[in-house]
Amino acid sequence: MTLRRAVDELVIEELLIRRHGSGTYTSRPKVARCLGRILPPNRAVRHVPSEHTPESG
C-alpha cells in the first residue's frame, strides 16, 4: 500500500481532514465531535459527582 492510499483511507474513516490549499490534518476524536453536537462548543464538560459517597468511619 502506498502512503497516498493509506492517507486516503484515513480520510475516508474521518481520522484525517483534507483542507484544499492548506494541508491534511488530524480530526477531532469522535467522542468530542459527538459532544460538540450535544453541548455548545464554548462549554466544557464538567465533573459530575457520583451518586456514591465514601462511607464515613
N, C-alpha and C. Protein backbone atom coordinates (compact mmCIF):
# COMPACT_ATOMS: atom_id res chain seq x y z
N MET A 1 0.86 -1.17 0.00
CA MET A 1 0.00 0.00 0.00
C MET A 1 0.91 1.24 0.00
N THR A 2 0.53 2.21 -0.78
CA THR A 2 1.31 3.45 -0.84
C THR A 2 0.88 4.39 0.28
N LEU A 3 1.72 5.36 0.58
CA LEU A 3 1.39 6.34 1.60
C LEU A 3 0.15 7.13 1.20
N ARG A 4 0.04 7.45 -0.07
CA ARG A 4 -1.12 8.21 -0.55
C ARG A 4 -2.41 7.43 -0.31
N ARG A 5 -2.39 6.13 -0.60
CA ARG A 5 -3.58 5.29 -0.39
C ARG A 5 -3.91 5.18 1.10
N ALA A 6 -2.89 5.06 1.93
CA ALA A 6 -3.11 4.97 3.37
C ALA A 6 -3.75 6.25 3.91
N VAL A 7 -3.27 7.40 3.43
CA VAL A 7 -3.86 8.68 3.85
C VAL A 7 -5.29 8.78 3.34
N ASP A 8 -5.54 8.35 2.09
CA ASP A 8 -6.90 8.36 1.55
C ASP A 8 -7.85 7.55 2.44
N GLU A 9 -7.40 6.40 2.90
CA GLU A 9 -8.25 5.56 3.75
C GLU A 9 -8.51 6.23 5.10
N LEU A 10 -7.51 6.91 5.65
CA LEU A 10 -7.72 7.63 6.91
C LEU A 10 -8.69 8.80 6.74
N VAL A 11 -8.68 9.42 5.57
CA VAL A 11 -9.65 10.49 5.28
C VAL A 11 -11.05 9.89 5.19
N ILE A 12 -11.18 8.74 4.53
CA ILE A 12 -12.48 8.08 4.42
C ILE A 12 -13.02 7.70 5.80
N GLU A 13 -12.12 7.25 6.69
CA GLU A 13 -12.52 6.87 8.05
C GLU A 13 -12.68 8.08 8.97
N GLU A 14 -12.52 9.29 8.42
CA GLU A 14 -12.66 10.55 9.14
C GLU A 14 -11.66 10.72 10.27
N LEU A 15 -10.49 10.09 10.15
CA LEU A 15 -9.42 10.29 11.12
C LEU A 15 -8.51 11.44 10.70
N LEU A 16 -8.52 11.73 9.39
CA LEU A 16 -7.79 12.88 8.85
C LEU A 16 -8.76 13.75 8.07
N ILE A 17 -8.44 15.04 8.00
CA ILE A 17 -9.26 16.00 7.25
C ILE A 17 -8.34 16.69 6.26
N ARG A 18 -8.78 16.77 5.00
CA ARG A 18 -8.02 17.50 3.99
C ARG A 18 -8.66 18.86 3.80
N ARG A 19 -7.80 19.90 3.80
CA ARG A 19 -8.27 21.26 3.53
C ARG A 19 -7.53 21.76 2.30
N HIS A 20 -8.28 22.00 1.25
CA HIS A 20 -7.70 22.41 -0.02
C HIS A 20 -6.84 23.65 0.16
N GLY A 21 -5.62 23.59 -0.33
CA GLY A 21 -4.71 24.72 -0.26
C GLY A 21 -4.05 24.89 1.10
N SER A 22 -4.40 24.04 2.06
CA SER A 22 -3.86 24.19 3.41
C SER A 22 -3.10 22.94 3.86
N GLY A 23 -3.68 21.77 3.64
CA GLY A 23 -2.99 20.54 4.03
C GLY A 23 -3.92 19.49 4.58
N THR A 24 -3.34 18.48 5.19
CA THR A 24 -4.09 17.38 5.80
C THR A 24 -3.85 17.42 7.29
N TYR A 25 -4.92 17.33 8.05
CA TYR A 25 -4.85 17.47 9.50
C TYR A 25 -5.57 16.31 10.18
N THR A 26 -5.20 16.07 11.44
CA THR A 26 -5.92 15.06 12.21
C THR A 26 -7.28 15.65 12.60
N SER A 27 -8.28 14.79 12.65
CA SER A 27 -9.61 15.26 13.04
C SER A 27 -9.76 15.14 14.55
N ARG A 28 -10.79 15.77 15.08
CA ARG A 28 -11.08 15.64 16.50
C ARG A 28 -11.58 14.23 16.76
N PRO A 29 -11.34 13.70 17.94
CA PRO A 29 -11.85 12.36 18.26
C PRO A 29 -13.37 12.32 18.11
N LYS A 30 -13.90 11.16 17.73
CA LYS A 30 -15.34 11.04 17.50
C LYS A 30 -16.15 11.41 18.73
N VAL A 31 -15.68 11.09 19.91
CA VAL A 31 -16.40 11.44 21.13
C VAL A 31 -16.53 12.95 21.24
N ALA A 32 -15.48 13.67 20.97
CA ALA A 32 -15.51 15.12 21.04
C ALA A 32 -16.46 15.68 19.99
N ARG A 33 -16.48 15.07 18.80
CA ARG A 33 -17.40 15.54 17.76
C ARG A 33 -18.83 15.32 18.19
N CYS A 34 -19.13 14.17 18.82
CA CYS A 34 -20.49 13.88 19.28
C CYS A 34 -20.89 14.84 20.40
N LEU A 35 -19.99 15.09 21.33
CA LEU A 35 -20.30 16.02 22.43
C LEU A 35 -20.52 17.42 21.89
N GLY A 36 -19.81 17.79 20.84
CA GLY A 36 -19.99 19.10 20.24
C GLY A 36 -21.39 19.29 19.68
N ARG A 37 -22.02 18.21 19.29
CA ARG A 37 -23.40 18.30 18.80
C ARG A 37 -24.39 18.44 19.94
N ILE A 38 -24.02 17.91 21.12
CA ILE A 38 -24.91 17.95 22.27
C ILE A 38 -24.72 19.25 23.05
N LEU A 39 -23.47 19.63 23.29
CA LEU A 39 -23.16 20.82 24.07
C LEU A 39 -22.68 21.93 23.16
N PRO A 40 -22.94 23.17 23.53
CA PRO A 40 -22.38 24.27 22.75
C PRO A 40 -20.85 24.19 22.78
N PRO A 41 -20.18 24.57 21.69
CA PRO A 41 -18.72 24.41 21.62
C PRO A 41 -17.96 25.19 22.68
N ASN A 42 -18.55 26.24 23.27
CA ASN A 42 -17.82 27.03 24.25
C ASN A 42 -17.99 26.51 25.67
N ARG A 43 -18.72 25.42 25.87
CA ARG A 43 -18.92 24.87 27.22
C ARG A 43 -18.05 23.65 27.42
N ALA A 44 -17.36 23.61 28.52
CA ALA A 44 -16.51 22.46 28.84
C ALA A 44 -17.33 21.43 29.61
N VAL A 45 -16.95 20.19 29.46
CA VAL A 45 -17.61 19.14 30.22
C VAL A 45 -17.06 19.21 31.63
N ARG A 46 -17.96 19.32 32.60
CA ARG A 46 -17.53 19.42 33.99
C ARG A 46 -17.72 18.10 34.69
N HIS A 47 -16.97 17.90 35.73
CA HIS A 47 -17.07 16.67 36.52
C HIS A 47 -18.43 16.62 37.20
N VAL A 48 -19.10 15.51 37.03
CA VAL A 48 -20.39 15.29 37.68
C VAL A 48 -20.14 14.34 38.84
N PRO A 49 -20.44 14.76 40.09
CA PRO A 49 -20.19 13.88 41.21
C PRO A 49 -21.00 12.60 41.11
N SER A 50 -20.41 11.53 41.56
CA SER A 50 -21.09 10.25 41.51
C SER A 50 -22.12 10.18 42.63
N GLU A 51 -23.10 9.30 42.47
CA GLU A 51 -24.14 9.16 43.49
C GLU A 51 -23.58 8.47 44.74
N HIS A 52 -22.47 7.77 44.57
CA HIS A 52 -21.88 7.03 45.69
C HIS A 52 -20.92 7.95 46.43
N THR A 53 -21.07 7.99 47.74
CA THR A 53 -20.14 8.78 48.54
C THR A 53 -19.35 7.84 49.44
N PRO A 54 -18.13 8.19 49.77
CA PRO A 54 -17.36 7.33 50.66
C PRO A 54 -18.04 7.22 52.03
N GLU A 55 -18.00 6.03 52.57
CA GLU A 55 -18.59 5.82 53.88
C GLU A 55 -17.73 6.50 54.94
N SER A 56 -18.38 7.16 55.88
CA SER A 56 -17.59 7.75 56.96
C SER A 56 -17.42 6.74 58.07
N GLY A 57 -16.24 6.72 58.70
CA GLY A 57 -15.96 5.68 59.67
C GLY A 57 -15.85 6.19 60.99
